[in-house]
Amino acid sequence: AAKHKLKAKLMMERETLDDNMSAMSLDVANHGKIMDVKELEQAIDGLKAADIKAVAGRVMKAKPAMASLGRLHATPHVDELLYILQFVIRKYK
C-alpha cells in the first residue's frame, strides 16, 4: 500500500508544469539526470523494508539542524526536541 501511495504522489507531483519543473530539478539534483516515470516506479518497486531501515538509521545518526523564524521566546532548543523525539521513539519501539 505504501508503494502505491508513493507512486500516486509521484504522478501528482508531475501534473502541472510548475510541479513537473520542480520534480525535474530535484531529479537532476539527486540523480544527475531527469528521471523517467517508469524508472522511478521501478525503483519504488525494488524497495525493501531493509532499505528503508538502513536510510532511517542513517537519518537518525545524523546531527540534526533547526531553523526558526519570528518570535522565538517560546521556541524550544534543538536539544529539547531531540530529548522528546528519543522518548517517543523508545515508547513506540
N, C-alpha and C. Protein backbone atom coordinates (compact mmCIF):
# COMPACT_ATOMS: atom_id res chain seq x y z
N ALA A 1 0.82 -1.20 0.00
CA ALA A 1 0.00 0.00 0.00
C ALA A 1 0.87 1.26 0.00
N ALA A 2 1.97 1.22 0.75
CA ALA A 2 2.85 2.40 0.82
C ALA A 2 3.48 2.68 -0.54
N LYS A 3 3.83 1.63 -1.26
CA LYS A 3 4.44 1.82 -2.59
C LYS A 3 3.43 2.45 -3.55
N HIS A 4 2.18 2.02 -3.46
CA HIS A 4 1.14 2.60 -4.32
C HIS A 4 0.92 4.08 -4.00
N LYS A 5 0.95 4.42 -2.72
CA LYS A 5 0.80 5.82 -2.32
C LYS A 5 1.96 6.66 -2.84
N LEU A 6 3.17 6.11 -2.75
CA LEU A 6 4.35 6.83 -3.23
C LEU A 6 4.28 7.04 -4.74
N LYS A 7 3.83 6.03 -5.47
CA LYS A 7 3.68 6.17 -6.92
C LYS A 7 2.61 7.21 -7.26
N ALA A 8 1.51 7.21 -6.52
CA ALA A 8 0.45 8.20 -6.76
C ALA A 8 0.97 9.61 -6.50
N LYS A 9 1.74 9.76 -5.43
CA LYS A 9 2.34 11.06 -5.11
C LYS A 9 3.28 11.50 -6.23
N LEU A 10 4.04 10.56 -6.74
CA LEU A 10 4.96 10.83 -7.83
C LEU A 10 4.20 11.36 -9.05
N MET A 11 3.09 10.72 -9.38
CA MET A 11 2.31 11.14 -10.54
C MET A 11 1.68 12.53 -10.31
N MET A 12 1.20 12.77 -9.09
CA MET A 12 0.59 14.07 -8.80
C MET A 12 1.62 15.19 -8.83
N GLU A 13 2.88 14.86 -8.46
CA GLU A 13 3.94 15.87 -8.49
C GLU A 13 4.25 16.33 -9.90
N ARG A 14 3.81 15.60 -10.88
CA ARG A 14 4.15 15.91 -12.26
C ARG A 14 2.94 16.31 -13.08
N GLU A 15 1.84 16.68 -12.43
CA GLU A 15 0.62 17.02 -13.15
C GLU A 15 0.66 18.40 -13.79
N THR A 16 1.13 19.41 -13.08
CA THR A 16 1.17 20.77 -13.64
C THR A 16 2.58 21.08 -14.11
N LEU A 17 2.69 22.08 -14.95
CA LEU A 17 4.00 22.46 -15.48
C LEU A 17 4.94 22.88 -14.35
N ASP A 18 4.45 23.70 -13.42
CA ASP A 18 5.29 24.15 -12.30
C ASP A 18 5.76 22.97 -11.46
N ASP A 19 4.82 22.08 -11.13
CA ASP A 19 5.17 20.91 -10.32
C ASP A 19 6.15 20.00 -11.06
N ASN A 20 5.92 19.85 -12.35
CA ASN A 20 6.80 19.00 -13.16
C ASN A 20 8.21 19.58 -13.22
N MET A 21 8.31 20.89 -13.37
CA MET A 21 9.62 21.53 -13.42
C MET A 21 10.34 21.36 -12.08
N SER A 22 9.61 21.50 -10.98
CA SER A 22 10.22 21.30 -9.65
C SER A 22 10.70 19.87 -9.49
N ALA A 23 9.87 18.91 -9.91
CA ALA A 23 10.25 17.50 -9.80
C ALA A 23 11.47 17.20 -10.65
N MET A 24 11.52 17.77 -11.86
CA MET A 24 12.67 17.52 -12.73
C MET A 24 13.94 18.13 -12.15
N SER A 25 13.82 19.31 -11.53
CA SER A 25 15.02 19.92 -10.94
C SER A 25 15.53 19.08 -9.77
N LEU A 26 14.62 18.50 -9.00
CA LEU A 26 15.03 17.59 -7.92
C LEU A 26 15.67 16.33 -8.48
N ASP A 27 15.13 15.83 -9.60
CA ASP A 27 15.73 14.66 -10.25
C ASP A 27 17.19 14.94 -10.60
N VAL A 28 17.43 16.08 -11.21
CA VAL A 28 18.79 16.42 -11.63
C VAL A 28 19.69 16.59 -10.40
N ALA A 29 19.18 17.23 -9.37
CA ALA A 29 19.98 17.43 -8.15
C ALA A 29 20.30 16.11 -7.47
N ASN A 30 19.34 15.19 -7.44
CA ASN A 30 19.53 13.92 -6.72
C ASN A 30 20.14 12.81 -7.56
N HIS A 31 19.86 12.80 -8.86
CA HIS A 31 20.28 11.68 -9.70
C HIS A 31 21.21 12.08 -10.85
N GLY A 32 21.38 13.38 -11.05
CA GLY A 32 22.25 13.83 -12.13
C GLY A 32 21.57 13.82 -13.49
N LYS A 33 20.28 13.50 -13.53
CA LYS A 33 19.53 13.48 -14.79
C LYS A 33 18.04 13.55 -14.48
N ILE A 34 17.25 13.83 -15.50
CA ILE A 34 15.80 13.80 -15.34
C ILE A 34 15.37 12.35 -15.41
N MET A 35 14.67 11.91 -14.38
CA MET A 35 14.26 10.51 -14.30
C MET A 35 12.94 10.30 -15.04
N ASP A 36 12.88 9.23 -15.81
CA ASP A 36 11.65 8.81 -16.45
C ASP A 36 10.72 8.25 -15.37
N VAL A 37 9.43 8.47 -15.50
CA VAL A 37 8.47 8.00 -14.50
C VAL A 37 8.58 6.48 -14.34
N LYS A 38 8.77 5.76 -15.43
CA LYS A 38 8.91 4.30 -15.35
C LYS A 38 10.14 3.91 -14.53
N GLU A 39 11.24 4.65 -14.70
CA GLU A 39 12.44 4.39 -13.89
C GLU A 39 12.15 4.57 -12.40
N LEU A 40 11.44 5.64 -12.09
CA LEU A 40 11.11 5.91 -10.69
C LEU A 40 10.18 4.83 -10.13
N GLU A 41 9.21 4.41 -10.93
CA GLU A 41 8.30 3.34 -10.48
C GLU A 41 9.06 2.04 -10.24
N GLN A 42 10.01 1.73 -11.12
CA GLN A 42 10.81 0.51 -10.94
C GLN A 42 11.65 0.61 -9.66
N ALA A 43 12.20 1.79 -9.41
CA ALA A 43 12.99 1.98 -8.19
C ALA A 43 12.11 1.80 -6.95
N ILE A 44 10.90 2.32 -7.00
CA ILE A 44 9.97 2.16 -5.88
C ILE A 44 9.62 0.68 -5.70
N ASP A 45 9.33 -0.01 -6.79
CA ASP A 45 9.00 -1.43 -6.72
C ASP A 45 10.15 -2.25 -6.14
N GLY A 46 11.38 -1.80 -6.36
CA GLY A 46 12.54 -2.52 -5.88
C GLY A 46 12.88 -2.28 -4.41
N LEU A 47 12.19 -1.33 -3.78
CA LEU A 47 12.48 -1.03 -2.37
C LEU A 47 12.08 -2.19 -1.47
N LYS A 48 12.90 -2.44 -0.48
CA LYS A 48 12.63 -3.48 0.51
C LYS A 48 12.64 -2.82 1.90
N ALA A 49 12.05 -3.49 2.86
CA ALA A 49 12.00 -2.97 4.23
C ALA A 49 13.40 -2.69 4.76
N ALA A 50 14.36 -3.54 4.39
CA ALA A 50 15.74 -3.34 4.85
C ALA A 50 16.32 -2.03 4.31
N ASP A 51 15.93 -1.65 3.10
CA ASP A 51 16.40 -0.38 2.52
C ASP A 51 15.88 0.80 3.34
N ILE A 52 14.62 0.74 3.71
CA ILE A 52 14.01 1.81 4.49
C ILE A 52 14.66 1.89 5.87
N LYS A 53 14.89 0.73 6.48
CA LYS A 53 15.54 0.71 7.80
C LYS A 53 16.94 1.30 7.73
N ALA A 54 17.68 0.98 6.66
CA ALA A 54 19.04 1.50 6.52
C ALA A 54 19.04 3.02 6.41
N VAL A 55 18.15 3.56 5.61
CA VAL A 55 18.07 5.02 5.46
C VAL A 55 17.63 5.65 6.78
N ALA A 56 16.64 5.07 7.43
CA ALA A 56 16.17 5.61 8.71
C ALA A 56 17.30 5.61 9.73
N GLY A 57 18.12 4.56 9.73
CA GLY A 57 19.26 4.51 10.65
C GLY A 57 20.26 5.61 10.40
N ARG A 58 20.54 5.88 9.12
CA ARG A 58 21.48 6.96 8.78
C ARG A 58 20.90 8.32 9.17
N VAL A 59 19.63 8.51 8.94
CA VAL A 59 18.99 9.78 9.28
C VAL A 59 19.02 10.00 10.78
N MET A 60 18.74 8.96 11.54
CA MET A 60 18.71 9.10 13.00
C MET A 60 20.09 9.34 13.59
N LYS A 61 21.14 8.91 12.90
CA LYS A 61 22.51 9.13 13.39
C LYS A 61 23.05 10.50 13.01
N ALA A 62 22.45 11.12 12.01
CA ALA A 62 22.94 12.42 11.53
C ALA A 62 22.65 13.50 12.57
N LYS A 63 23.53 14.48 12.63
CA LYS A 63 23.33 15.59 13.56
C LYS A 63 22.19 16.47 13.03
N PRO A 64 21.17 16.67 13.85
CA PRO A 64 20.03 17.46 13.39
C PRO A 64 20.33 18.95 13.37
N ALA A 65 19.56 19.65 12.57
CA ALA A 65 19.65 21.11 12.50
C ALA A 65 18.24 21.67 12.65
N MET A 66 18.16 22.89 13.08
CA MET A 66 16.86 23.52 13.26
C MET A 66 16.97 24.98 12.89
N ALA A 67 15.94 25.48 12.23
CA ALA A 67 15.86 26.90 11.91
C ALA A 67 14.52 27.42 12.42
N SER A 68 14.52 28.63 12.91
CA SER A 68 13.29 29.24 13.43
C SER A 68 13.19 30.66 12.91
N LEU A 69 11.96 31.13 12.81
CA LEU A 69 11.71 32.46 12.30
C LEU A 69 10.58 33.07 13.10
N GLY A 70 10.69 34.33 13.41
CA GLY A 70 9.61 35.01 14.12
C GLY A 70 9.91 35.16 15.60
N ARG A 71 8.86 35.19 16.39
CA ARG A 71 9.00 35.35 17.85
C ARG A 71 9.53 34.04 18.43
N LEU A 72 10.73 34.08 18.92
CA LEU A 72 11.41 32.86 19.34
C LEU A 72 11.42 32.64 20.84
N HIS A 73 10.76 33.47 21.61
CA HIS A 73 10.86 33.36 23.06
C HIS A 73 10.34 32.02 23.59
N ALA A 74 9.42 31.38 22.89
CA ALA A 74 8.88 30.10 23.37
C ALA A 74 9.38 28.92 22.54
N THR A 75 10.30 29.18 21.63
CA THR A 75 10.81 28.10 20.78
C THR A 75 11.76 27.22 21.58
N PRO A 76 11.50 25.91 21.61
CA PRO A 76 12.40 25.03 22.35
C PRO A 76 13.75 24.91 21.65
N HIS A 77 14.77 24.63 22.41
CA HIS A 77 16.11 24.42 21.86
C HIS A 77 16.11 23.06 21.16
N VAL A 78 16.95 22.90 20.17
CA VAL A 78 17.00 21.65 19.42
C VAL A 78 17.28 20.46 20.33
N ASP A 79 18.08 20.64 21.38
CA ASP A 79 18.35 19.54 22.31
C ASP A 79 17.08 19.08 23.03
N GLU A 80 16.21 20.02 23.36
CA GLU A 80 14.94 19.66 24.00
C GLU A 80 14.08 18.84 23.05
N LEU A 81 14.04 19.24 21.80
CA LEU A 81 13.26 18.50 20.81
C LEU A 81 13.82 17.10 20.60
N LEU A 82 15.13 16.97 20.60
CA LEU A 82 15.76 15.66 20.45
C LEU A 82 15.42 14.75 21.62
N TYR A 83 15.42 15.30 22.82
CA TYR A 83 15.07 14.52 24.00
C TYR A 83 13.65 13.98 23.87
N ILE A 84 12.73 14.82 23.46
CA ILE A 84 11.34 14.40 23.28
C ILE A 84 11.24 13.34 22.19
N LEU A 85 11.94 13.54 21.09
CA LEU A 85 11.92 12.58 19.99
C LEU A 85 12.44 11.22 20.44
N GLN A 86 13.53 11.21 21.18
CA GLN A 86 14.08 9.94 21.67
C GLN A 86 13.10 9.24 22.60
N PHE A 87 12.40 10.00 23.43
CA PHE A 87 11.39 9.43 24.32
C PHE A 87 10.28 8.77 23.50
N VAL A 88 9.81 9.46 22.47
CA VAL A 88 8.73 8.93 21.63
C VAL A 88 9.19 7.68 20.90
N ILE A 89 10.41 7.69 20.38
CA ILE A 89 10.93 6.52 19.66
C ILE A 89 11.01 5.32 20.59
N ARG A 90 11.52 5.51 21.80
CA ARG A 90 11.61 4.40 22.77
C ARG A 90 10.22 3.87 23.12
N LYS A 91 9.28 4.76 23.24
CA LYS A 91 7.92 4.36 23.62
C LYS A 91 7.27 3.47 22.56
N TYR A 92 7.54 3.74 21.30
CA TYR A 92 6.86 3.02 20.22
C TYR A 92 7.70 1.95 19.55
N LYS A 93 8.85 1.61 20.12
CA LYS A 93 9.67 0.53 19.54
C LYS A 93 9.06 -0.80 19.81
